[in-house]
Amino acid sequence: MGIKSFFKNAFNDMKESAKAQHEADKANFAAAKAESKAQWEEAKAIGDPNRRKAALQAERDKQISEANERKAAAEARIEAAKKK
């Protein structure tokens, strides 16, 4: 392998590597752009009082249902312990 073919292969490898890195950079930029837009939309949604109230109520409802499930499980354990 001569010096000419060595440099030809080296430059071809660098070219392919640069193309691949460019594609990765484009994908990362598109992801960052989409995340930024999502954050903007979420911030806008929080600014709307009706949406904010609905989101908070949904969170409270979820907490209440989880607490009720824990309470039912504890009551079942109590009943099981009393029967022993």
N, C-alpha and C. Protein backbone atom coordinates (compact mmCIF):
# COMPACT_ATOMS: atom_id res chain seq x y z
N MET A 1 0.85 -1.17 0.00
CA MET A 1 0.00 0.00 0.00
C MET A 1 0.89 1.22 0.00
N GLY A 2 0.68 2.07 -0.98
CA GLY A 2 1.50 3.26 -1.11
C GLY A 2 0.97 4.40 -0.27
N ILE A 3 1.76 5.41 -0.19
CA ILE A 3 1.40 6.59 0.61
C ILE A 3 0.18 7.29 0.02
N LYS A 4 0.08 7.25 -1.31
CA LYS A 4 -1.05 7.89 -1.97
C LYS A 4 -2.36 7.20 -1.59
N SER A 5 -2.38 5.87 -1.63
CA SER A 5 -3.60 5.14 -1.29
C SER A 5 -3.91 5.27 0.21
N PHE A 6 -2.85 5.36 1.04
CA PHE A 6 -3.06 5.54 2.47
C PHE A 6 -3.82 6.84 2.74
N PHE A 7 -3.36 7.93 2.14
CA PHE A 7 -4.03 9.22 2.36
C PHE A 7 -5.41 9.25 1.74
N LYS A 8 -5.57 8.58 0.59
CA LYS A 8 -6.87 8.52 -0.05
C LYS A 8 -7.86 7.81 0.87
N ASN A 9 -7.47 6.68 1.45
CA ASN A 9 -8.34 5.95 2.38
C ASN A 9 -8.61 6.75 3.65
N ALA A 10 -7.58 7.42 4.14
CA ALA A 10 -7.73 8.21 5.36
C ALA A 10 -8.73 9.35 5.14
N PHE A 11 -8.62 10.04 4.03
CA PHE A 11 -9.53 11.15 3.75
C PHE A 11 -10.95 10.66 3.49
N ASN A 12 -11.08 9.50 2.83
CA ASN A 12 -12.42 8.93 2.64
C ASN A 12 -13.06 8.56 3.98
N ASP A 13 -12.25 7.99 4.89
CA ASP A 13 -12.76 7.66 6.22
C ASP A 13 -13.20 8.93 6.96
N MET A 14 -12.40 9.97 6.87
CA MET A 14 -12.75 11.23 7.54
C MET A 14 -14.03 11.82 6.95
N LYS A 15 -14.18 11.71 5.64
CA LYS A 15 -15.38 12.22 4.97
C LYS A 15 -16.62 11.47 5.45
N GLU A 16 -16.54 10.15 5.50
CA GLU A 16 -17.67 9.34 5.96
C GLU A 16 -17.98 9.63 7.43
N SER A 17 -16.95 9.78 8.23
CA SER A 17 -17.14 10.08 9.65
C SER A 17 -17.81 11.44 9.82
N ALA A 18 -17.39 12.42 9.04
CA ALA A 18 -17.99 13.75 9.12
C ALA A 18 -19.46 13.71 8.71
N LYS A 19 -19.78 12.93 7.69
CA LYS A 19 -21.19 12.80 7.26
C LYS A 19 -22.02 12.16 8.37
N ALA A 20 -21.50 11.11 8.97
CA ALA A 20 -22.23 10.43 10.04
C ALA A 20 -22.42 11.35 11.24
N GLN A 21 -21.38 12.12 11.59
CA GLN A 21 -21.49 13.05 12.72
C GLN A 21 -22.48 14.15 12.41
N HIS A 22 -22.53 14.59 11.16
CA HIS A 22 -23.49 15.62 10.76
C HIS A 22 -24.92 15.11 10.92
N GLU A 23 -25.15 13.86 10.54
CA GLU A 23 -26.49 13.28 10.71
C GLU A 23 -26.86 13.19 12.19
N ALA A 24 -25.90 12.79 13.03
CA ALA A 24 -26.16 12.72 14.47
C ALA A 24 -26.44 14.11 15.03
N ASP A 25 -25.69 15.10 14.58
CA ASP A 25 -25.91 16.48 15.04
C ASP A 25 -27.29 16.99 14.61
N LYS A 26 -27.70 16.66 13.38
CA LYS A 26 -29.02 17.08 12.92
C LYS A 26 -30.11 16.46 13.76
N ALA A 27 -29.97 15.17 14.09
CA ALA A 27 -30.96 14.48 14.91
C ALA A 27 -31.02 15.07 16.32
N ASN A 28 -29.86 15.35 16.90
CA ASN A 28 -29.83 15.95 18.24
C ASN A 28 -30.44 17.35 18.23
N PHE A 29 -30.18 18.13 17.19
CA PHE A 29 -30.75 19.47 17.09
C PHE A 29 -32.27 19.40 16.97
N ALA A 30 -32.76 18.46 16.16
CA ALA A 30 -34.21 18.31 16.00
C ALA A 30 -34.86 17.89 17.33
N ALA A 31 -34.19 17.02 18.07
CA ALA A 31 -34.73 16.60 19.37
C ALA A 31 -34.75 17.77 20.35
N ALA A 32 -33.69 18.55 20.39
CA ALA A 32 -33.63 19.69 21.29
C ALA A 32 -34.69 20.73 20.92
N LYS A 33 -34.90 20.90 19.64
CA LYS A 33 -35.92 21.85 19.17
C LYS A 33 -37.32 21.39 19.59
N ALA A 34 -37.59 20.09 19.45
CA ALA A 34 -38.90 19.55 19.83
C ALA A 34 -39.10 19.64 21.34
N GLU A 35 -38.05 19.37 22.12
CA GLU A 35 -38.16 19.49 23.57
C GLU A 35 -38.42 20.92 23.99
N SER A 36 -37.76 21.85 23.33
CA SER A 36 -37.96 23.26 23.64
C SER A 36 -39.40 23.68 23.35
N LYS A 37 -39.93 23.23 22.23
CA LYS A 37 -41.31 23.56 21.89
C LYS A 37 -42.28 22.95 22.89
N ALA A 38 -42.00 21.72 23.33
CA ALA A 38 -42.85 21.07 24.32
C ALA A 38 -42.84 21.84 25.64
N GLN A 39 -41.67 22.29 26.06
CA GLN A 39 -41.58 23.09 27.28
C GLN A 39 -42.36 24.39 27.14
N TRP A 40 -42.27 25.01 25.98
CA TRP A 40 -43.00 26.25 25.74
C TRP A 40 -44.50 26.02 25.82
N GLU A 41 -44.97 24.95 25.19
CA GLU A 41 -46.40 24.65 25.21
C GLU A 41 -46.88 24.33 26.64
N GLU A 42 -46.05 23.61 27.39
CA GLU A 42 -46.42 23.31 28.78
C GLU A 42 -46.49 24.58 29.61
N ALA A 43 -45.53 25.48 29.41
CA ALA A 43 -45.54 26.75 30.15
C ALA A 43 -46.76 27.58 29.78
N LYS A 44 -47.12 27.54 28.50
CA LYS A 44 -48.31 28.27 28.05
C LYS A 44 -49.56 27.68 28.68
N ALA A 45 -49.60 26.35 28.78
CA ALA A 45 -50.77 25.68 29.35
C ALA A 45 -50.91 25.99 30.84
N ILE A 46 -49.79 26.09 31.54
CA ILE A 46 -49.84 26.41 32.96
C ILE A 46 -50.35 27.83 33.17
N GLY A 47 -50.08 28.70 32.22
CA GLY A 47 -50.53 30.08 32.32
C GLY A 47 -52.04 30.22 32.21
N ASP A 48 -52.70 29.24 31.60
CA ASP A 48 -54.15 29.28 31.46
C ASP A 48 -54.77 28.76 32.76
N PRO A 49 -55.50 29.62 33.48
CA PRO A 49 -56.03 29.21 34.79
C PRO A 49 -56.93 27.98 34.73
N ASN A 50 -57.75 27.86 33.71
CA ASN A 50 -58.66 26.71 33.62
C ASN A 50 -57.89 25.40 33.44
N ARG A 51 -56.88 25.42 32.58
CA ARG A 51 -56.07 24.23 32.36
C ARG A 51 -55.30 23.87 33.62
N ARG A 52 -54.79 24.88 34.29
CA ARG A 52 -54.01 24.65 35.51
C ARG A 52 -54.89 24.02 36.58
N LYS A 53 -56.09 24.55 36.75
CA LYS A 53 -57.02 24.00 37.73
C LYS A 53 -57.36 22.56 37.40
N ALA A 54 -57.58 22.28 36.13
CA ALA A 54 -57.92 20.92 35.71
C ALA A 54 -56.75 19.96 35.99
N ALA A 55 -55.55 20.41 35.71
CA ALA A 55 -54.37 19.56 35.95
C ALA A 55 -54.19 19.31 37.44
N LEU A 56 -54.36 20.33 38.25
CA LEU A 56 -54.23 20.16 39.69
C LEU A 56 -55.32 19.24 40.23
N GLN A 57 -56.55 19.38 39.73
CA GLN A 57 -57.63 18.52 40.18
C GLN A 57 -57.38 17.07 39.79
N ALA A 58 -56.85 16.86 38.60
CA ALA A 58 -56.53 15.50 38.16
C ALA A 58 -55.46 14.89 39.07
N GLU A 59 -54.48 15.67 39.45
CA GLU A 59 -53.44 15.18 40.36
C GLU A 59 -54.02 14.84 41.73
N ARG A 60 -54.91 15.69 42.23
CA ARG A 60 -55.54 15.42 43.52
C ARG A 60 -56.41 14.17 43.45
N ASP A 61 -57.14 14.00 42.37
CA ASP A 61 -57.97 12.80 42.20
C ASP A 61 -57.12 11.54 42.19
N LYS A 62 -55.97 11.62 41.53
CA LYS A 62 -55.05 10.48 41.49
C LYS A 62 -54.55 10.16 42.89
N GLN A 63 -54.20 11.19 43.65
CA GLN A 63 -53.70 10.98 45.01
C GLN A 63 -54.80 10.36 45.89
N ILE A 64 -56.03 10.83 45.74
CA ILE A 64 -57.14 10.31 46.52
C ILE A 64 -57.38 8.83 46.21
N SER A 65 -57.36 8.49 44.93
CA SER A 65 -57.59 7.08 44.55
C SER A 65 -56.47 6.19 45.07
N GLU A 66 -55.22 6.65 45.03
CA GLU A 66 -54.11 5.86 45.56
C GLU A 66 -54.25 5.69 47.07
N ALA A 67 -54.67 6.75 47.76
CA ALA A 67 -54.85 6.67 49.21
C ALA A 67 -55.97 5.69 49.55
N ASN A 68 -57.03 5.71 48.79
CA ASN A 68 -58.14 4.79 49.03
C ASN A 68 -57.71 3.34 48.81
N GLU A 69 -56.88 3.10 47.81
CA GLU A 69 -56.38 1.75 47.56
C GLU A 69 -55.50 1.29 48.72
N ARG A 70 -54.63 2.17 49.21
CA ARG A 70 -53.78 1.82 50.35
C ARG A 70 -54.62 1.55 51.58
N LYS A 71 -55.67 2.34 51.78
CA LYS A 71 -56.56 2.16 52.93
C LYS A 71 -57.26 0.81 52.85
N ALA A 72 -57.76 0.46 51.67
CA ALA A 72 -58.44 -0.82 51.50
C ALA A 72 -57.48 -1.98 51.75
N ALA A 73 -56.26 -1.86 51.28
CA ALA A 73 -55.27 -2.92 51.50
C ALA A 73 -54.96 -3.05 52.99
N ALA A 74 -54.85 -1.93 53.69
CA ALA A 74 -54.57 -1.97 55.12
C ALA A 74 -55.73 -2.59 55.88
N GLU A 75 -56.96 -2.25 55.51
CA GLU A 75 -58.14 -2.83 56.16
C GLU A 75 -58.20 -4.34 55.93
N ALA A 76 -57.82 -4.78 54.75
CA ALA A 76 -57.81 -6.22 54.46
C ALA A 76 -56.76 -6.91 55.33
N ARG A 77 -55.62 -6.28 55.52
CA ARG A 77 -54.58 -6.85 56.39
C ARG A 77 -55.07 -6.93 57.83
N ILE A 78 -55.79 -5.89 58.26
CA ILE A 78 -56.33 -5.87 59.63
C ILE A 78 -57.29 -7.04 59.81
N GLU A 79 -58.22 -7.22 58.86
CA GLU A 79 -59.18 -8.31 58.94
C GLU A 79 -58.49 -9.67 58.94
N ALA A 80 -57.45 -9.81 58.13
CA ALA A 80 -56.71 -11.06 58.07
C ALA A 80 -56.00 -11.32 59.40
N ALA A 81 -55.49 -10.27 60.01
CA ALA A 81 -54.80 -10.44 61.29
C ALA A 81 -55.77 -10.80 62.40
N LYS A 82 -56.99 -10.28 62.35
CA LYS A 82 -58.00 -10.57 63.38
C LYS A 82 -58.47 -12.02 63.30
N LYS A 83 -58.49 -12.60 62.10
CA LYS A 83 -58.98 -13.97 61.91
C LYS A 83 -57.97 -15.01 62.38
N LYS A 84 -56.73 -14.65 62.54
CA LYS A 84 -55.69 -15.62 62.94
C LYS A 84 -55.82 -15.99 64.37
